[in-house]
Amino acid sequence: MESNYTITVTCLFCEAALKPEKEKEFKSGDLIKCSECGEMNDYDAVLDIAKEKGIKVVKDEFEKEIKAKFKWLFK
């Protein structure tokens, strides 16, 4: 079963979705300004948090699927 997941990169300070300037590419060490609170977010830090969120979403979905398919094992 193939699934697609979307993880929103959010501000470290106010948790609003970070919206990059059009056609701007970021790289390690860059700062991204939050359009909601105006704080500067470290590119690497927001990506690390987004990766952690993504791993958690996939792990939770995987566990749910395994439990559903093998529910007789978890009684």
PDB file of N, CA and C in Angstrom:
ATOM      1  N   MET A   1       0.844  -1.184   0.000  1.00  0.00           N
ATOM      2  CA  MET A   1       0.000   0.000   0.000  1.00  0.00           C
ATOM      3  C   MET A   1       0.883   1.240   0.000  1.00  0.00           C
ATOM      4  N   GLU A   2       0.685   2.079  -0.954  1.00  0.00           N
ATOM      5  CA  GLU A   2       1.476   3.301  -1.061  1.00  0.00           C
ATOM      6  C   GLU A   2       0.661   4.482  -0.539  1.00  0.00           C
ATOM      7  N   SER A   3       1.298   5.292   0.277  1.00  0.00           N
ATOM      8  CA  SER A   3       0.624   6.463   0.845  1.00  0.00           C
ATOM      9  C   SER A   3       1.483   7.694   0.634  1.00  0.00           C
ATOM     10  N   ASN A   4       0.822   8.815   0.543  1.00  0.00           N
ATOM     11  CA  ASN A   4       1.518  10.099   0.459  1.00  0.00           C
ATOM     12  C   ASN A   4       1.207  10.896   1.713  1.00  0.00           C
ATOM     13  N   TYR A   5       2.219  11.547   2.226  1.00  0.00           N
ATOM     14  CA  TYR A   5       2.050  12.354   3.427  1.00  0.00           C
ATOM     15  C   TYR A   5       2.585  13.751   3.154  1.00  0.00           C
ATOM     16  N   THR A   6       1.944  14.721   3.768  1.00  0.00           N
ATOM     17  CA  THR A   6       2.400  16.096   3.653  1.00  0.00           C
ATOM     18  C   THR A   6       2.733  16.596   5.051  1.00  0.00           C
ATOM     19  N   ILE A   7       3.938  17.096   5.199  1.00  0.00           N
ATOM     20  CA  ILE A   7       4.377  17.657   6.473  1.00  0.00           C
ATOM     21  C   ILE A   7       4.642  19.139   6.239  1.00  0.00           C
ATOM     22  N   THR A   8       4.014  19.981   7.017  1.00  0.00           N
ATOM     23  CA  THR A   8       4.185  21.417   6.893  1.00  0.00           C
ATOM     24  C   THR A   8       5.375  21.871   7.730  1.00  0.00           C
ATOM     25  N   VAL A   9       6.240  22.644   7.117  1.00  0.00           N
ATOM     26  CA  VAL A   9       7.379  23.216   7.837  1.00  0.00           C
ATOM     27  C   VAL A   9       6.851  24.434   8.587  1.00  0.00           C
ATOM     28  N   THR A  10       7.048  24.444   9.902  1.00  0.00           N
ATOM     29  CA  THR A  10       6.459  25.503  10.719  1.00  0.00           C
ATOM     30  C   THR A  10       7.510  26.329  11.456  1.00  0.00           C
ATOM     31  N   CYS A  11       7.088  27.519  11.832  1.00  0.00           N
ATOM     32  CA  CYS A  11       7.928  28.446  12.585  1.00  0.00           C
ATOM     33  C   CYS A  11       8.271  27.848  13.948  1.00  0.00           C
ATOM     34  N   LEU A  12       9.509  28.003  14.362  1.00  0.00           N
ATOM     35  CA  LEU A  12       9.950  27.495  15.654  1.00  0.00           C
ATOM     36  C   LEU A  12       9.355  28.284  16.813  1.00  0.00           C
ATOM     37  N   PHE A  13       8.873  29.482  16.546  1.00  0.00           N
ATOM     38  CA  PHE A  13       8.408  30.379  17.601  1.00  0.00           C
ATOM     39  C   PHE A  13       6.885  30.403  17.744  1.00  0.00           C
ATOM     40  N   CYS A  14       6.165  30.478  16.610  1.00  0.00           N
ATOM     41  CA  CYS A  14       4.703  30.595  16.685  1.00  0.00           C
ATOM     42  C   CYS A  14       3.983  29.412  16.030  1.00  0.00           C
ATOM     43  N   GLU A  15       4.723  28.505  15.424  1.00  0.00           N
ATOM     44  CA  GLU A  15       4.203  27.308  14.778  1.00  0.00           C
ATOM     45  C   GLU A  15       3.331  27.573  13.549  1.00  0.00           C
ATOM     46  N   ALA A  16       3.392  28.786  13.008  1.00  0.00           N
ATOM     47  CA  ALA A  16       2.690  29.070  11.752  1.00  0.00           C
ATOM     48  C   ALA A  16       3.446  28.404  10.608  1.00  0.00           C
ATOM     49  N   ALA A  17       2.736  28.068   9.550  1.00  0.00           N
ATOM     50  CA  ALA A  17       3.384  27.474   8.382  1.00  0.00           C
ATOM     51  C   ALA A  17       4.341  28.491   7.766  1.00  0.00           C
ATOM     52  N   LEU A  18       5.558  28.047   7.484  1.00  0.00           N
ATOM     53  CA  LEU A  18       6.533  28.934   6.848  1.00  0.00           C
ATOM     54  C   LEU A  18       6.291  28.928   5.347  1.00  0.00           C
ATOM     55  N   LYS A  19       6.166  30.111   4.791  1.00  0.00           N
ATOM     56  CA  LYS A  19       5.909  30.265   3.365  1.00  0.00           C
ATOM     57  C   LYS A  19       7.111  30.958   2.740  1.00  0.00           C
ATOM     58  N   PRO A  20       7.882  30.218   1.956  1.00  0.00           N
ATOM     59  CA  PRO A  20       9.086  30.818   1.361  1.00  0.00           C
ATOM     60  C   PRO A  20       8.742  31.826   0.280  1.00  0.00           C
ATOM     61  N   GLU A  21       9.666  32.735   0.053  1.00  0.00           N
ATOM     62  CA  GLU A  21       9.503  33.669  -1.042  1.00  0.00           C
ATOM     63  C   GLU A  21       9.485  32.869  -2.335  1.00  0.00           C
ATOM     64  N   LYS A  22       8.715  33.315  -3.300  1.00  0.00           N
ATOM     65  CA  LYS A  22       8.594  32.589  -4.568  1.00  0.00           C
ATOM     66  C   LYS A  22       9.956  32.367  -5.208  1.00  0.00           C
ATOM     67  N   GLU A  23      10.129  31.146  -5.684  1.00  0.00           N
ATOM     68  CA  GLU A  23      11.316  30.729  -6.429  1.00  0.00           C
ATOM     69  C   GLU A  23      12.632  30.891  -5.667  1.00  0.00           C
ATOM     70  N   LYS A  24      12.577  31.032  -4.364  1.00  0.00           N
ATOM     71  CA  LYS A  24      13.808  31.114  -3.579  1.00  0.00           C
ATOM     72  C   LYS A  24      14.123  29.733  -3.038  1.00  0.00           C
ATOM     73  N   GLU A  25      15.358  29.324  -3.208  1.00  0.00           N
ATOM     74  CA  GLU A  25      15.808  28.049  -2.670  1.00  0.00           C
ATOM     75  C   GLU A  25      16.671  28.320  -1.449  1.00  0.00           C
ATOM     76  N   PHE A  26      16.423  27.554  -0.396  1.00  0.00           N
ATOM     77  CA  PHE A  26      17.184  27.704   0.836  1.00  0.00           C
ATOM     78  C   PHE A  26      18.222  26.605   0.931  1.00  0.00           C
ATOM     79  N   LYS A  27      19.270  26.887   1.683  1.00  0.00           N
ATOM     80  CA  LYS A  27      20.318  25.889   1.916  1.00  0.00           C
ATOM     81  C   LYS A  27      20.730  25.952   3.385  1.00  0.00           C
ATOM     82  N   SER A  28      21.529  24.994   3.773  1.00  0.00           N
ATOM     83  CA  SER A  28      21.985  24.911   5.152  1.00  0.00           C
ATOM     84  C   SER A  28      22.601  26.238   5.598  1.00  0.00           C
ATOM     85  N   GLY A  29      22.195  26.686   6.782  1.00  0.00           N
ATOM     86  CA  GLY A  29      22.714  27.929   7.332  1.00  0.00           C
ATOM     87  C   GLY A  29      21.843  29.144   7.060  1.00  0.00           C
ATOM     88  N   ASP A  30      20.878  29.009   6.145  1.00  0.00           N
ATOM     89  CA  ASP A  30      19.991  30.132   5.832  1.00  0.00           C
ATOM     90  C   ASP A  30      18.986  30.364   6.949  1.00  0.00           C
ATOM     91  N   LEU A  31      18.477  31.575   7.008  1.00  0.00           N
ATOM     92  CA  LEU A  31      17.417  31.926   7.944  1.00  0.00           C
ATOM     93  C   LEU A  31      16.147  32.226   7.146  1.00  0.00           C
ATOM     94  N   ILE A  32      15.027  31.739   7.650  1.00  0.00           N
ATOM     95  CA  ILE A  32      13.739  31.940   6.991  1.00  0.00           C
ATOM     96  C   ILE A  32      12.884  32.803   7.903  1.00  0.00           C
ATOM     97  N   LYS A  33      12.417  33.927   7.381  1.00  0.00           N
ATOM     98  CA  LYS A  33      11.594  34.836   8.182  1.00  0.00           C
ATOM     99  C   LYS A  33      10.139  34.371   8.165  1.00  0.00           C
ATOM    100  N   CYS A  34       9.560  34.283   9.358  1.00  0.00           N
ATOM    101  CA  CYS A  34       8.156  33.901   9.486  1.00  0.00           C
ATOM    102  C   CYS A  34       7.283  35.088   9.095  1.00  0.00           C
ATOM    103  N   SER A  35       6.326  34.832   8.225  1.00  0.00           N
ATOM    104  CA  SER A  35       5.443  35.910   7.787  1.00  0.00           C
ATOM    105  C   SER A  35       4.397  36.264   8.847  1.00  0.00           C
ATOM    106  N   GLU A  36       4.255  35.415   9.859  1.00  0.00           N
ATOM    107  CA  GLU A  36       3.277  35.680  10.924  1.00  0.00           C
ATOM    108  C   GLU A  36       3.884  36.486  12.075  1.00  0.00           C
ATOM    109  N   CYS A  37       4.988  35.987  12.639  1.00  0.00           N
ATOM    110  CA  CYS A  37       5.553  36.644  13.826  1.00  0.00           C
ATOM    111  C   CYS A  37       6.826  37.442  13.531  1.00  0.00           C
ATOM    112  N   GLY A  38       7.400  37.258  12.348  1.00  0.00           N
ATOM    113  CA  GLY A  38       8.586  38.002  11.959  1.00  0.00           C
ATOM    114  C   GLY A  38       9.902  37.440  12.468  1.00  0.00           C
ATOM    115  N   GLU A  39       9.858  36.354  13.243  1.00  0.00           N
ATOM    116  CA  GLU A  39      11.087  35.752  13.771  1.00  0.00           C
ATOM    117  C   GLU A  39      11.851  35.043  12.654  1.00  0.00           C
ATOM    118  N   MET A  40      13.157  34.969  12.844  1.00  0.00           N
ATOM    119  CA  MET A  40      14.010  34.290  11.884  1.00  0.00           C
ATOM    120  C   MET A  40      14.207  32.837  12.335  1.00  0.00           C
ATOM    121  N   ASN A  41      13.963  31.909  11.427  1.00  0.00           N
ATOM    122  CA  ASN A  41      14.059  30.484  11.714  1.00  0.00           C
ATOM    123  C   ASN A  41      15.252  29.880  10.994  1.00  0.00           C
ATOM    124  N   ASP A  42      16.005  29.072  11.708  1.00  0.00           N
ATOM    125  CA  ASP A  42      17.150  28.389  11.120  1.00  0.00           C
ATOM    126  C   ASP A  42      16.651  27.265  10.204  1.00  0.00           C
ATOM    127  N   TYR A  43      17.079  27.306   8.957  1.00  0.00           N
ATOM    128  CA  TYR A  43      16.666  26.330   7.941  1.00  0.00           C
ATOM    129  C   TYR A  43      16.889  24.890   8.417  1.00  0.00           C
ATOM    130  N   ASP A  44      18.063  24.617   8.933  1.00  0.00           N
ATOM    131  CA  ASP A  44      18.386  23.252   9.361  1.00  0.00           C
ATOM    132  C   ASP A  44      17.476  22.790  10.502  1.00  0.00           C
ATOM    133  N   ALA A  45      17.198  23.676  11.443  1.00  0.00           N
ATOM    134  CA  ALA A  45      16.359  23.325  12.590  1.00  0.00           C
ATOM    135  C   ALA A  45      14.926  23.026  12.164  1.00  0.00           C
ATOM    136  N   VAL A  46      14.357  23.859  11.286  1.00  0.00           N
ATOM    137  CA  VAL A  46      12.967  23.612  10.875  1.00  0.00           C
ATOM    138  C   VAL A  46      12.873  22.339  10.038  1.00  0.00           C
ATOM    139  N   LEU A  47      13.895  22.053   9.243  1.00  0.00           N
ATOM    140  CA  LEU A  47      13.887  20.803   8.467  1.00  0.00           C
ATOM    141  C   LEU A  47      14.013  19.592   9.380  1.00  0.00           C
ATOM    142  N   ASP A  48      14.870  19.679  10.399  1.00  0.00           N
ATOM    143  CA  ASP A  48      15.014  18.568  11.340  1.00  0.00           C
ATOM    144  C   ASP A  48      13.698  18.268  12.036  1.00  0.00           C
ATOM    145  N   ILE A  49      12.991  19.306  12.452  1.00  0.00           N
ATOM    146  CA  ILE A  49      11.706  19.114  13.129  1.00  0.00           C
ATOM    147  C   ILE A  49      10.678  18.532  12.165  1.00  0.00           C
ATOM    148  N   ALA A  50      10.660  19.011  10.922  1.00  0.00           N
ATOM    149  CA  ALA A  50       9.736  18.475   9.920  1.00  0.00           C
ATOM    150  C   ALA A  50      10.031  16.996   9.653  1.00  0.00           C
ATOM    151  N   LYS A  51      11.310  16.634   9.613  1.00  0.00           N
ATOM    152  CA  LYS A  51      11.684  15.225   9.409  1.00  0.00           C
ATOM    153  C   LYS A  51      11.198  14.374  10.573  1.00  0.00           C
ATOM    154  N   GLU A  52      11.367  14.876  11.798  1.00  0.00           N
ATOM    155  CA  GLU A  52      10.902  14.147  12.980  1.00  0.00           C
ATOM    156  C   GLU A  52       9.392  13.947  12.932  1.00  0.00           C
ATOM    157  N   LYS A  53       8.661  14.997  12.539  1.00  0.00           N
ATOM    158  CA  LYS A  53       7.207  14.885  12.417  1.00  0.00           C
ATOM    159  C   LYS A  53       6.839  13.856  11.362  1.00  0.00           C
ATOM    160  N   GLY A  54       7.541  13.871  10.239  1.00  0.00           N
ATOM    161  CA  GLY A  54       7.276  12.924   9.165  1.00  0.00           C
ATOM    162  C   GLY A  54       7.515  11.489   9.595  1.00  0.00           C
ATOM    163  N   ILE A  55       8.605  11.260  10.309  1.00  0.00           N
ATOM    164  CA  ILE A  55       8.913   9.918  10.798  1.00  0.00           C
ATOM    165  C   ILE A  55       7.828   9.450  11.754  1.00  0.00           C
ATOM    166  N   LYS A  56       7.365  10.334  12.621  1.00  0.00           N
ATOM    167  CA  LYS A  56       6.311   9.974  13.574  1.00  0.00           C
ATOM    168  C   LYS A  56       5.018   9.622  12.847  1.00  0.00           C
ATOM    169  N   VAL A  57       4.639  10.403  11.834  1.00  0.00           N
ATOM    170  CA  VAL A  57       3.414  10.137  11.080  1.00  0.00           C
ATOM    171  C   VAL A  57       3.493   8.764  10.411  1.00  0.00           C
ATOM    172  N   VAL A  58       4.608   8.487   9.758  1.00  0.00           N
ATOM    173  CA  VAL A  58       4.770   7.204   9.068  1.00  0.00           C
ATOM    174  C   VAL A  58       4.799   6.053  10.072  1.00  0.00           C
ATOM    175  N   LYS A  59       5.502   6.235  11.173  1.00  0.00           N
ATOM    176  CA  LYS A  59       5.575   5.190  12.202  1.00  0.00           C
ATOM    177  C   LYS A  59       4.196   4.898  12.773  1.00  0.00           C
ATOM    178  N   ASP A  60       3.435   5.942  13.107  1.00  0.00           N
ATOM    179  CA  ASP A  60       2.094   5.757  13.656  1.00  0.00           C
ATOM    180  C   ASP A  60       1.186   5.040  12.657  1.00  0.00           C
ATOM    181  N   GLU A  61       1.265   5.417  11.394  1.00  0.00           N
ATOM    182  CA  GLU A  61       0.448   4.789  10.356  1.00  0.00           C
ATOM    183  C   GLU A  61       0.843   3.317  10.183  1.00  0.00           C
ATOM    184  N   PHE A  62       2.132   3.051  10.202  1.00  0.00           N
ATOM    185  CA  PHE A  62       2.629   1.681  10.075  1.00  0.00           C
ATOM    186  C   PHE A  62       2.126   0.821  11.235  1.00  0.00           C
ATOM    187  N   GLU A  63       2.239   1.342  12.451  1.00  0.00           N
ATOM    188  CA  GLU A  63       1.776   0.597  13.627  1.00  0.00           C
ATOM    189  C   GLU A  63       0.284   0.316  13.539  1.00  0.00           C
ATOM    190  N   LYS A  64      -0.479   1.303  13.091  1.00  0.00           N
ATOM    191  CA  LYS A  64      -1.923   1.138  12.949  1.00  0.00           C
ATOM    192  C   LYS A  64      -2.246   0.035  11.936  1.00  0.00           C
ATOM    193  N   GLU A  65      -1.528   0.031  10.816  1.00  0.00           N
ATOM    194  CA  GLU A  65      -1.742  -0.977   9.784  1.00  0.00           C
ATOM    195  C   GLU A  65      -1.380  -2.369  10.282  1.00  0.00           C
ATOM    196  N   ILE A  66      -0.248  -2.470  10.955  1.00  0.00           N
ATOM    197  CA  ILE A  66       0.192  -3.773  11.480  1.00  0.00           C
ATOM    198  C   ILE A  66      -0.813  -4.305  12.495  1.00  0.00           C
ATOM    199  N   LYS A  67      -1.263  -3.440  13.387  1.00  0.00           N
ATOM    200  CA  LYS A  67      -2.244  -3.871  14.392  1.00  0.00           C
ATOM    201  C   LYS A  67      -3.545  -4.314  13.742  1.00  0.00           C
ATOM    202  N   ALA A  68      -3.973  -3.627  12.688  1.00  0.00           N
ATOM    203  CA  ALA A  68      -5.202  -3.997  11.995  1.00  0.00           C
ATOM    204  C   ALA A  68      -5.056  -5.349  11.284  1.00  0.00           C
ATOM    205  N   LYS A  69      -3.908  -5.584  10.679  1.00  0.00           N
ATOM    206  CA  LYS A  69      -3.707  -6.832   9.932  1.00  0.00           C
ATOM    207  C   LYS A  69      -3.451  -8.026  10.848  1.00  0.00           C
ATOM    208  N   PHE A  70      -2.838  -7.757  11.988  1.00  0.00           N
ATOM    209  CA  PHE A  70      -2.488  -8.848  12.900  1.00  0.00           C
ATOM    210  C   PHE A  70      -3.140  -8.654  14.270  1.00  0.00           C
ATOM    211  N   LYS A  71      -4.367  -8.179  14.273  1.00  0.00           N
ATOM    212  CA  LYS A  71      -5.038  -7.885  15.551  1.00  0.00           C
ATOM    213  C   LYS A  71      -5.152  -9.107  16.440  1.00  0.00           C
ATOM    214  N   TRP A  72      -5.197 -10.264  15.857  1.00  0.00           N
ATOM    215  CA  TRP A  72      -5.287 -11.476  16.663  1.00  0.00           C
ATOM    216  C   TRP A  72      -4.036 -11.685  17.508  1.00  0.00           C
ATOM    217  N   LEU A  73      -2.901 -11.084  17.101  1.00  0.00           N
ATOM    218  CA  LEU A  73      -1.668 -11.215  17.892  1.00  0.00           C
ATOM    219  C   LEU A  73      -1.648 -10.291  19.107  1.00  0.00           C
ATOM    220  N   PHE A  74      -2.442  -9.229  19.042  1.00  0.00           N
ATOM    221  CA  PHE A  74      -2.393  -8.184  20.074  1.00  0.00           C
ATOM    222  C   PHE A  74      -3.534  -8.290  21.084  1.00  0.00           C
ATOM    223  N   LYS A  75      -4.102  -9.491  21.234  1.00  0.00           N
ATOM    224  CA  LYS A  75      -5.208  -9.652  22.185  1.00  0.00           C
ATOM    225  C   LYS A  75      -4.698  -9.956  23.560  1.00  0.00           C
TER     226      LYS A  75
END
